[in-house]
Amino acid sequence: MVLCRTSGFNKGFPPHPEPIPLTPRLTQRVLHMRWFHRLGTYTTLLPLLFGYLSILGGQSTFGYGLFLAGGWTLLSRGQALLGGAPVACTLEMAQRLQMVMNIADSEDACCPHPQPQWWVESVRCGSCSKKLEDMIRPDLGRPRKDGFFRGWLRLWLSEGRPMVVPDDGKN
């Protein structure tokens, strides 16, 4: 997920705090982030294997470090399967974004010139400010203004999940 913070991944998106217009490119980004999360889970098996082999080979300190790091990552990722916090980007999220785009292009649109945008707490129309979908935006890999190290620390702690609490108020 750190790799998607480079400029090549973010050419079609506005800078971080600004809302993201709903486009097929955004749906593709959500699906890519889902794939990167799964790929990171599979890649965790390598430190587990090398850690186990290092423990068997006599380098126990190095092996325990690799084994604990890989095991910790697998445990944190496995929480979603056991009822913990859900994965940041899901297929359902991409489908919901596509449904909002489809409604905006139909006769059931909220206003004559809808511009659906994904804000931090919901999907809203840029023209009339109506809330179209109650969906918190996860970290989509856009570079932040607070620098590489703070952004990396935030990404490491949150695993790409949103850092805000959903608003229960109706709008």
N, C-alpha and C. Protein backbone atom coordinates (compact mmCIF):
# COMPACT_ATOMS: atom_id res chain seq x y z
N MET A 1 0.81 -1.19 0.00
CA MET A 1 0.00 0.00 0.00
C MET A 1 0.86 1.26 0.00
N VAL A 2 2.11 1.13 0.40
CA VAL A 2 3.01 2.29 0.37
C VAL A 2 3.37 2.63 -1.07
N LEU A 3 3.45 1.63 -1.94
CA LEU A 3 3.82 1.87 -3.34
C LEU A 3 2.81 2.74 -4.07
N CYS A 4 1.55 2.69 -3.69
CA CYS A 4 0.53 3.47 -4.40
C CYS A 4 0.57 4.95 -4.02
N ARG A 5 1.48 5.36 -3.16
CA ARG A 5 1.62 6.78 -2.82
C ARG A 5 2.53 7.52 -3.80
N THR A 6 3.09 6.83 -4.78
CA THR A 6 3.96 7.48 -5.75
C THR A 6 3.12 8.29 -6.74
N SER A 7 3.78 9.19 -7.46
CA SER A 7 3.05 10.10 -8.36
C SER A 7 2.41 9.37 -9.53
N GLY A 8 2.98 8.27 -9.98
CA GLY A 8 2.40 7.54 -11.11
C GLY A 8 1.03 6.96 -10.82
N PHE A 9 0.77 6.62 -9.57
CA PHE A 9 -0.53 6.06 -9.19
C PHE A 9 -1.58 7.15 -8.99
N ASN A 10 -1.18 8.39 -8.84
CA ASN A 10 -2.09 9.44 -8.41
C ASN A 10 -2.30 10.55 -9.42
N LYS A 11 -2.04 10.30 -10.69
CA LYS A 11 -2.17 11.37 -11.69
C LYS A 11 -3.62 11.80 -11.91
N GLY A 12 -4.57 10.93 -11.75
CA GLY A 12 -5.96 11.29 -12.01
C GLY A 12 -6.75 11.72 -10.79
N PHE A 13 -6.08 11.92 -9.67
CA PHE A 13 -6.78 12.25 -8.43
C PHE A 13 -6.33 13.60 -7.89
N PRO A 14 -7.24 14.33 -7.25
CA PRO A 14 -6.86 15.61 -6.63
C PRO A 14 -5.99 15.37 -5.40
N PRO A 15 -5.31 16.40 -4.87
CA PRO A 15 -4.50 16.23 -3.66
C PRO A 15 -5.34 15.76 -2.49
N HIS A 16 -4.69 15.27 -1.45
CA HIS A 16 -5.34 14.50 -0.38
C HIS A 16 -6.59 15.06 0.26
N PRO A 17 -6.63 16.20 0.86
CA PRO A 17 -7.87 16.48 1.61
C PRO A 17 -9.08 16.76 0.72
N GLU A 18 -8.88 17.02 -0.54
CA GLU A 18 -10.00 17.36 -1.42
C GLU A 18 -10.83 16.12 -1.75
N PRO A 19 -12.13 16.30 -2.02
CA PRO A 19 -12.98 15.16 -2.40
C PRO A 19 -12.58 14.60 -3.76
N ILE A 20 -12.87 13.32 -3.96
CA ILE A 20 -12.52 12.64 -5.20
C ILE A 20 -13.78 12.49 -6.06
N PRO A 21 -13.76 12.96 -7.30
CA PRO A 21 -14.92 12.76 -8.17
C PRO A 21 -15.10 11.27 -8.47
N LEU A 22 -16.35 10.82 -8.51
CA LEU A 22 -16.63 9.43 -8.81
C LEU A 22 -16.45 9.19 -10.31
N THR A 23 -15.48 8.37 -10.64
CA THR A 23 -15.17 8.01 -12.01
C THR A 23 -14.83 6.52 -12.04
N PRO A 24 -14.77 5.92 -13.23
CA PRO A 24 -14.31 4.53 -13.30
C PRO A 24 -12.89 4.36 -12.76
N ARG A 25 -12.08 5.41 -12.85
CA ARG A 25 -10.71 5.34 -12.32
C ARG A 25 -10.72 5.19 -10.80
N LEU A 26 -11.68 5.82 -10.12
CA LEU A 26 -11.80 5.66 -8.67
C LEU A 26 -12.23 4.25 -8.31
N THR A 27 -13.18 3.70 -9.05
CA THR A 27 -13.60 2.32 -8.81
C THR A 27 -12.43 1.37 -9.02
N GLN A 28 -11.63 1.63 -10.04
CA GLN A 28 -10.45 0.82 -10.29
C GLN A 28 -9.46 0.93 -9.14
N ARG A 29 -9.30 2.13 -8.57
CA ARG A 29 -8.39 2.32 -7.44
C ARG A 29 -8.86 1.53 -6.22
N VAL A 30 -10.16 1.53 -5.95
CA VAL A 30 -10.70 0.77 -4.82
C VAL A 30 -10.41 -0.71 -5.01
N LEU A 31 -10.59 -1.21 -6.23
CA LEU A 31 -10.32 -2.63 -6.49
C LEU A 31 -8.82 -2.92 -6.42
N HIS A 32 -7.98 -1.97 -6.86
CA HIS A 32 -6.53 -2.16 -6.73
C HIS A 32 -6.10 -2.20 -5.27
N MET A 33 -6.66 -1.31 -4.45
CA MET A 33 -6.31 -1.30 -3.02
C MET A 33 -6.73 -2.61 -2.36
N ARG A 34 -7.86 -3.15 -2.78
CA ARG A 34 -8.31 -4.46 -2.27
C ARG A 34 -7.29 -5.54 -2.66
N TRP A 35 -6.82 -5.49 -3.90
CA TRP A 35 -5.85 -6.47 -4.37
C TRP A 35 -4.51 -6.30 -3.64
N PHE A 36 -4.06 -5.06 -3.42
CA PHE A 36 -2.80 -4.82 -2.71
C PHE A 36 -2.88 -5.36 -1.28
N HIS A 37 -4.04 -5.23 -0.65
CA HIS A 37 -4.20 -5.74 0.71
C HIS A 37 -4.07 -7.26 0.72
N ARG A 38 -4.71 -7.92 -0.23
CA ARG A 38 -4.61 -9.38 -0.31
C ARG A 38 -3.19 -9.81 -0.65
N LEU A 39 -2.55 -9.11 -1.57
CA LEU A 39 -1.19 -9.44 -1.95
C LEU A 39 -0.24 -9.30 -0.77
N GLY A 40 -0.45 -8.27 0.06
CA GLY A 40 0.36 -8.11 1.26
C GLY A 40 0.18 -9.25 2.24
N THR A 41 -1.04 -9.77 2.31
CA THR A 41 -1.29 -10.91 3.19
C THR A 41 -0.55 -12.14 2.69
N TYR A 42 -0.60 -12.38 1.38
CA TYR A 42 0.11 -13.54 0.83
C TYR A 42 1.62 -13.38 0.95
N THR A 43 2.12 -12.16 0.78
CA THR A 43 3.55 -11.91 0.88
C THR A 43 4.07 -12.12 2.30
N THR A 44 3.20 -12.03 3.28
CA THR A 44 3.59 -12.24 4.67
C THR A 44 4.04 -13.68 4.91
N LEU A 45 3.65 -14.58 4.06
CA LEU A 45 4.06 -15.98 4.23
C LEU A 45 5.57 -16.14 4.05
N LEU A 46 6.21 -15.27 3.27
CA LEU A 46 7.66 -15.36 3.08
C LEU A 46 8.44 -15.12 4.37
N PRO A 47 8.18 -14.04 5.14
CA PRO A 47 8.90 -13.90 6.41
C PRO A 47 8.62 -15.04 7.39
N LEU A 48 7.41 -15.58 7.35
CA LEU A 48 7.12 -16.73 8.22
C LEU A 48 7.99 -17.92 7.84
N LEU A 49 8.10 -18.19 6.55
CA LEU A 49 8.90 -19.32 6.08
C LEU A 49 10.38 -19.09 6.39
N PHE A 50 10.90 -17.90 6.05
CA PHE A 50 12.32 -17.63 6.32
C PHE A 50 12.61 -17.58 7.82
N GLY A 51 11.66 -17.09 8.60
CA GLY A 51 11.83 -17.09 10.05
C GLY A 51 11.91 -18.50 10.59
N TYR A 52 11.04 -19.37 10.12
CA TYR A 52 11.05 -20.76 10.57
C TYR A 52 12.35 -21.45 10.16
N LEU A 53 12.80 -21.21 8.92
CA LEU A 53 14.05 -21.81 8.46
C LEU A 53 15.25 -21.25 9.23
N SER A 54 15.22 -19.97 9.60
CA SER A 54 16.31 -19.38 10.39
C SER A 54 16.35 -19.97 11.79
N ILE A 55 15.19 -20.22 12.37
CA ILE A 55 15.16 -20.85 13.69
C ILE A 55 15.73 -22.25 13.61
N LEU A 56 15.39 -22.99 12.58
CA LEU A 56 15.93 -24.35 12.41
C LEU A 56 17.43 -24.32 12.13
N GLY A 57 17.89 -23.28 11.42
CA GLY A 57 19.29 -23.19 11.04
C GLY A 57 20.20 -22.62 12.11
N GLY A 58 19.68 -22.18 13.23
CA GLY A 58 20.52 -21.70 14.31
C GLY A 58 20.53 -20.20 14.50
N GLN A 59 19.96 -19.43 13.61
CA GLN A 59 19.89 -17.97 13.77
C GLN A 59 18.56 -17.62 14.45
N SER A 60 18.46 -17.98 15.72
CA SER A 60 17.16 -17.91 16.39
C SER A 60 16.67 -16.47 16.58
N THR A 61 17.55 -15.52 16.86
CA THR A 61 17.10 -14.15 17.09
C THR A 61 16.49 -13.56 15.82
N PHE A 62 17.18 -13.71 14.72
CA PHE A 62 16.68 -13.23 13.43
C PHE A 62 15.40 -13.97 13.04
N GLY A 63 15.39 -15.26 13.25
CA GLY A 63 14.23 -16.09 12.90
C GLY A 63 13.01 -15.73 13.71
N TYR A 64 13.19 -15.52 15.03
CA TYR A 64 12.05 -15.13 15.86
C TYR A 64 11.49 -13.78 15.44
N GLY A 65 12.37 -12.86 15.07
CA GLY A 65 11.90 -11.55 14.62
C GLY A 65 11.05 -11.65 13.36
N LEU A 66 11.54 -12.41 12.38
CA LEU A 66 10.76 -12.59 11.16
C LEU A 66 9.45 -13.32 11.43
N PHE A 67 9.54 -14.35 12.27
CA PHE A 67 8.35 -15.15 12.57
C PHE A 67 7.31 -14.32 13.31
N LEU A 68 7.74 -13.50 14.27
CA LEU A 68 6.79 -12.66 15.00
C LEU A 68 6.18 -11.58 14.12
N ALA A 69 6.99 -10.96 13.27
CA ALA A 69 6.46 -9.92 12.38
C ALA A 69 5.44 -10.50 11.41
N GLY A 70 5.76 -11.62 10.80
CA GLY A 70 4.82 -12.25 9.87
C GLY A 70 3.57 -12.75 10.58
N GLY A 71 3.75 -13.34 11.76
CA GLY A 71 2.60 -13.83 12.52
C GLY A 71 1.69 -12.70 12.97
N TRP A 72 2.29 -11.60 13.40
CA TRP A 72 1.49 -10.44 13.83
C TRP A 72 0.66 -9.90 12.67
N THR A 73 1.27 -9.82 11.50
CA THR A 73 0.54 -9.33 10.34
C THR A 73 -0.60 -10.26 9.97
N LEU A 74 -0.35 -11.56 9.99
CA LEU A 74 -1.43 -12.50 9.67
C LEU A 74 -2.55 -12.45 10.71
N LEU A 75 -2.20 -12.28 11.98
CA LEU A 75 -3.24 -12.17 13.01
C LEU A 75 -4.08 -10.91 12.82
N SER A 76 -3.42 -9.79 12.52
CA SER A 76 -4.19 -8.56 12.34
C SER A 76 -5.06 -8.63 11.09
N ARG A 77 -4.58 -9.28 10.04
CA ARG A 77 -5.40 -9.42 8.83
C ARG A 77 -6.51 -10.45 9.04
N GLY A 78 -6.27 -11.44 9.88
CA GLY A 78 -7.28 -12.46 10.14
C GLY A 78 -8.43 -11.99 11.00
N GLN A 79 -8.29 -10.85 11.65
CA GLN A 79 -9.37 -10.32 12.48
C GLN A 79 -10.63 -10.04 11.66
N ALA A 80 -10.46 -9.68 10.41
CA ALA A 80 -11.63 -9.40 9.57
C ALA A 80 -12.47 -10.66 9.37
N LEU A 81 -11.82 -11.81 9.37
CA LEU A 81 -12.55 -13.07 9.20
C LEU A 81 -13.28 -13.47 10.47
N LEU A 82 -12.80 -13.00 11.62
CA LEU A 82 -13.39 -13.40 12.90
C LEU A 82 -14.30 -12.34 13.49
N GLY A 83 -14.73 -11.38 12.71
CA GLY A 83 -15.66 -10.37 13.19
C GLY A 83 -15.00 -9.08 13.65
N GLY A 84 -13.74 -8.89 13.37
CA GLY A 84 -13.06 -7.65 13.74
C GLY A 84 -13.34 -6.55 12.74
N ALA A 85 -12.44 -5.59 12.69
CA ALA A 85 -12.60 -4.47 11.75
C ALA A 85 -12.55 -4.99 10.31
N PRO A 86 -13.43 -4.51 9.45
CA PRO A 86 -13.44 -5.00 8.07
C PRO A 86 -12.24 -4.48 7.28
N VAL A 87 -11.99 -5.10 6.15
CA VAL A 87 -10.93 -4.67 5.25
C VAL A 87 -11.29 -3.27 4.74
N ALA A 88 -10.28 -2.45 4.50
CA ALA A 88 -10.53 -1.05 4.12
C ALA A 88 -11.29 -0.92 2.81
N CYS A 89 -10.85 -1.59 1.77
CA CYS A 89 -11.49 -1.49 0.45
C CYS A 89 -12.06 -2.85 0.08
N THR A 90 -13.35 -2.88 -0.22
CA THR A 90 -14.02 -4.14 -0.52
C THR A 90 -14.68 -4.08 -1.89
N LEU A 91 -15.08 -5.23 -2.36
CA LEU A 91 -15.82 -5.31 -3.61
C LEU A 91 -17.18 -4.63 -3.46
N GLU A 92 -17.80 -4.77 -2.31
CA GLU A 92 -19.08 -4.12 -2.04
C GLU A 92 -18.94 -2.59 -2.15
N MET A 93 -17.83 -2.06 -1.66
CA MET A 93 -17.60 -0.61 -1.73
C MET A 93 -17.52 -0.16 -3.19
N ALA A 94 -16.79 -0.92 -4.01
CA ALA A 94 -16.68 -0.57 -5.43
C ALA A 94 -18.04 -0.65 -6.12
N GLN A 95 -18.84 -1.65 -5.75
CA GLN A 95 -20.17 -1.78 -6.34
C GLN A 95 -21.09 -0.63 -5.92
N ARG A 96 -21.01 -0.22 -4.67
CA ARG A 96 -21.82 0.91 -4.20
C ARG A 96 -21.43 2.21 -4.91
N LEU A 97 -20.13 2.42 -5.11
CA LEU A 97 -19.69 3.61 -5.85
C LEU A 97 -20.21 3.58 -7.29
N GLN A 98 -20.18 2.40 -7.90
CA GLN A 98 -20.69 2.27 -9.26
C GLN A 98 -22.19 2.53 -9.32
N MET A 99 -22.92 2.08 -8.31
CA MET A 99 -24.37 2.32 -8.27
C MET A 99 -24.67 3.83 -8.17
N VAL A 100 -23.88 4.54 -7.35
CA VAL A 100 -24.07 6.00 -7.24
C VAL A 100 -23.79 6.66 -8.58
N MET A 101 -22.74 6.21 -9.29
CA MET A 101 -22.45 6.78 -10.61
C MET A 101 -23.58 6.49 -11.59
N ASN A 102 -24.14 5.28 -11.53
CA ASN A 102 -25.24 4.92 -12.43
C ASN A 102 -26.47 5.78 -12.17
N ILE A 103 -26.79 6.00 -10.90
CA ILE A 103 -27.95 6.82 -10.55
C ILE A 103 -27.72 8.27 -10.99
N ALA A 104 -26.49 8.76 -10.85
CA ALA A 104 -26.18 10.14 -11.26
C ALA A 104 -26.33 10.32 -12.76
N ASP A 105 -26.14 9.25 -13.53
CA ASP A 105 -26.29 9.34 -14.99
C ASP A 105 -27.72 9.07 -15.46
N SER A 106 -28.61 8.70 -14.55
CA SER A 106 -29.98 8.36 -14.93
C SER A 106 -30.93 9.54 -14.70
N GLU A 107 -32.21 9.28 -14.92
CA GLU A 107 -33.23 10.31 -14.69
C GLU A 107 -33.51 10.51 -13.21
N ASP A 108 -33.08 9.59 -12.36
CA ASP A 108 -33.31 9.68 -10.92
C ASP A 108 -32.22 10.49 -10.21
N ALA A 109 -31.44 11.25 -10.94
CA ALA A 109 -30.34 12.01 -10.34
C ALA A 109 -30.88 13.07 -9.38
N CYS A 110 -30.03 13.50 -8.47
CA CYS A 110 -30.42 14.44 -7.42
C CYS A 110 -30.66 15.85 -7.94
N CYS A 111 -30.02 16.22 -9.03
CA CYS A 111 -30.15 17.57 -9.57
C CYS A 111 -29.91 17.52 -11.09
N PRO A 112 -30.11 18.61 -11.81
CA PRO A 112 -29.93 18.58 -13.27
C PRO A 112 -28.50 18.28 -13.72
N HIS A 113 -27.51 18.71 -12.95
CA HIS A 113 -26.11 18.49 -13.32
C HIS A 113 -25.36 17.86 -12.15
N PRO A 114 -25.58 16.57 -11.88
CA PRO A 114 -24.95 15.94 -10.71
C PRO A 114 -23.45 15.75 -10.92
N GLN A 115 -22.71 15.96 -9.84
CA GLN A 115 -21.27 15.73 -9.81
C GLN A 115 -20.96 14.97 -8.53
N PRO A 116 -21.15 13.64 -8.52
CA PRO A 116 -20.90 12.90 -7.28
C PRO A 116 -19.41 12.93 -6.92
N GLN A 117 -19.15 13.22 -5.65
CA GLN A 117 -17.78 13.29 -5.13
C GLN A 117 -17.72 12.54 -3.81
N TRP A 118 -16.59 11.87 -3.57
CA TRP A 118 -16.40 11.10 -2.34
C TRP A 118 -15.65 11.97 -1.35
N TRP A 119 -16.39 12.50 -0.37
CA TRP A 119 -15.80 13.28 0.70
C TRP A 119 -15.30 12.32 1.77
N VAL A 120 -14.80 12.83 2.88
CA VAL A 120 -14.24 11.98 3.93
C VAL A 120 -15.31 11.11 4.57
N GLU A 121 -16.49 11.68 4.82
CA GLU A 121 -17.53 10.94 5.55
C GLU A 121 -18.65 10.39 4.69
N SER A 122 -18.79 10.84 3.45
CA SER A 122 -19.89 10.37 2.62
C SER A 122 -19.65 10.73 1.16
N VAL A 123 -20.51 10.19 0.30
CA VAL A 123 -20.52 10.56 -1.11
C VAL A 123 -21.59 11.63 -1.27
N ARG A 124 -21.20 12.80 -1.76
CA ARG A 124 -22.12 13.93 -1.91
C ARG A 124 -22.06 14.45 -3.34
N CYS A 125 -23.11 15.14 -3.70
CA CYS A 125 -23.15 15.80 -5.01
C CYS A 125 -22.39 17.12 -4.90
N GLY A 126 -21.49 17.36 -5.85
CA GLY A 126 -20.74 18.61 -5.85
C GLY A 126 -21.58 19.80 -6.25
N SER A 127 -22.70 19.58 -6.92
CA SER A 127 -23.56 20.68 -7.36
C SER A 127 -24.56 21.11 -6.29
N CYS A 128 -25.27 20.13 -5.72
CA CYS A 128 -26.34 20.48 -4.77
C CYS A 128 -26.02 20.08 -3.32
N SER A 129 -24.88 19.46 -3.08
CA SER A 129 -24.41 19.04 -1.74
C SER A 129 -25.30 18.00 -1.07
N LYS A 130 -26.14 17.32 -1.81
CA LYS A 130 -26.99 16.27 -1.24
C LYS A 130 -26.14 15.03 -0.97
N LYS A 131 -26.39 14.38 0.18
CA LYS A 131 -25.69 13.15 0.52
C LYS A 131 -26.27 12.02 -0.32
N LEU A 132 -25.44 11.40 -1.14
CA LEU A 132 -25.89 10.34 -2.04
C LEU A 132 -25.67 8.95 -1.45
N GLU A 133 -24.62 8.79 -0.67
CA GLU A 133 -24.31 7.49 -0.06
C GLU A 133 -23.55 7.74 1.23
N ASP A 134 -23.92 7.03 2.26
CA ASP A 134 -23.26 7.17 3.56
C ASP A 134 -22.11 6.16 3.62
N MET A 135 -20.93 6.59 3.17
CA MET A 135 -19.78 5.70 3.08
C MET A 135 -18.51 6.48 3.40
N ILE A 136 -17.81 6.06 4.45
CA ILE A 136 -16.57 6.74 4.84
C ILE A 136 -15.46 6.35 3.88
N ARG A 137 -14.65 7.33 3.50
CA ARG A 137 -13.57 7.10 2.54
C ARG A 137 -12.34 6.54 3.25
N PRO A 138 -11.85 5.38 2.81
CA PRO A 138 -10.61 4.85 3.39
C PRO A 138 -9.40 5.56 2.78
N ASP A 139 -8.22 5.17 3.24
CA ASP A 139 -6.99 5.71 2.68
C ASP A 139 -6.80 5.08 1.31
N LEU A 140 -6.83 5.89 0.28
CA LEU A 140 -6.72 5.40 -1.09
C LEU A 140 -5.32 5.57 -1.67
N GLY A 141 -4.35 5.87 -0.83
CA GLY A 141 -2.97 5.92 -1.27
C GLY A 141 -2.52 7.25 -1.83
N ARG A 142 -3.31 8.29 -1.67
CA ARG A 142 -2.86 9.60 -2.14
C ARG A 142 -1.84 10.16 -1.16
N PRO A 143 -0.77 10.81 -1.67
CA PRO A 143 0.21 11.39 -0.76
C PRO A 143 -0.41 12.50 0.09
N ARG A 144 0.05 12.58 1.32
CA ARG A 144 -0.47 13.58 2.26
C ARG A 144 0.55 14.69 2.44
N LYS A 145 0.08 15.81 2.98
CA LYS A 145 0.95 16.96 3.17
C LYS A 145 1.83 16.83 4.41
N ASP A 146 1.54 15.88 5.29
CA ASP A 146 2.30 15.77 6.53
C ASP A 146 3.61 15.01 6.37
N GLY A 147 3.97 14.61 5.17
CA GLY A 147 5.26 13.99 4.94
C GLY A 147 5.21 12.48 4.85
N PHE A 148 6.31 11.92 4.39
CA PHE A 148 6.38 10.48 4.14
C PHE A 148 6.30 9.67 5.42
N PHE A 149 7.07 10.04 6.44
CA PHE A 149 7.14 9.21 7.65
C PHE A 149 5.84 9.22 8.44
N ARG A 150 5.22 10.38 8.60
CA ARG A 150 3.93 10.43 9.30
C ARG A 150 2.86 9.69 8.51
N GLY A 151 2.87 9.86 7.20
CA GLY A 151 1.91 9.15 6.36
C GLY A 151 2.11 7.65 6.41
N TRP A 152 3.36 7.21 6.41
CA TRP A 152 3.66 5.78 6.51
C TRP A 152 3.22 5.23 7.86
N LEU A 153 3.48 5.99 8.94
CA LEU A 153 3.06 5.55 10.27
C LEU A 153 1.54 5.46 10.36
N ARG A 154 0.85 6.43 9.80
CA ARG A 154 -0.62 6.39 9.80
C ARG A 154 -1.13 5.18 9.01
N LEU A 155 -0.53 4.92 7.87
CA LEU A 155 -0.93 3.79 7.05
C LEU A 155 -0.65 2.47 7.76
N TRP A 156 0.48 2.39 8.45
CA TRP A 156 0.85 1.17 9.17
C TRP A 156 -0.11 0.90 10.32
N LEU A 157 -0.50 1.95 11.04
CA LEU A 157 -1.40 1.76 12.18
C LEU A 157 -2.84 1.49 11.74
N SER A 158 -3.28 2.13 10.68
CA SER A 158 -4.69 1.99 10.28
C SER A 158 -4.93 0.90 9.25
N GLU A 159 -3.89 0.42 8.59
CA GLU A 159 -3.99 -0.55 7.50
C GLU A 159 -4.93 -0.07 6.40
N GLY A 160 -4.97 1.24 6.19
CA GLY A 160 -5.79 1.81 5.14
C GLY A 160 -7.23 2.09 5.53
N ARG A 161 -7.61 1.73 6.74
CA ARG A 161 -8.99 1.97 7.18
C ARG A 161 -9.20 3.46 7.44
N PRO A 162 -10.46 3.92 7.39
CA PRO A 162 -10.72 5.34 7.67
C PRO A 162 -10.35 5.70 9.10
N MET A 163 -9.88 6.93 9.28
CA MET A 163 -9.48 7.39 10.61
C MET A 163 -10.56 8.23 11.27
N VAL A 164 -11.77 8.24 10.72
CA VAL A 164 -12.88 9.01 11.28
C VAL A 164 -14.00 8.06 11.69
N VAL A 165 -14.86 8.54 12.58
CA VAL A 165 -16.01 7.77 13.05
C VAL A 165 -17.21 8.18 12.21
N PRO A 166 -18.06 7.22 11.81
CA PRO A 166 -19.22 7.59 11.00
C PRO A 166 -20.15 8.56 11.72
N ASP A 167 -20.71 9.49 10.97
CA ASP A 167 -21.66 10.46 11.51
C ASP A 167 -23.05 9.85 11.49
N ASP A 168 -23.74 9.87 12.65
CA ASP A 168 -25.07 9.28 12.74
C ASP A 168 -26.18 10.25 12.37
N GLY A 169 -25.84 11.52 12.21
CA GLY A 169 -26.85 12.53 11.88
C GLY A 169 -27.35 12.36 10.45
N LYS A 170 -28.61 12.60 10.24
CA LYS A 170 -29.21 12.50 8.90
C LYS A 170 -29.14 13.85 8.21
N ASN A 171 -28.85 13.81 6.92
CA ASN A 171 -28.73 15.05 6.16
C ASN A 171 -29.54 14.98 4.89
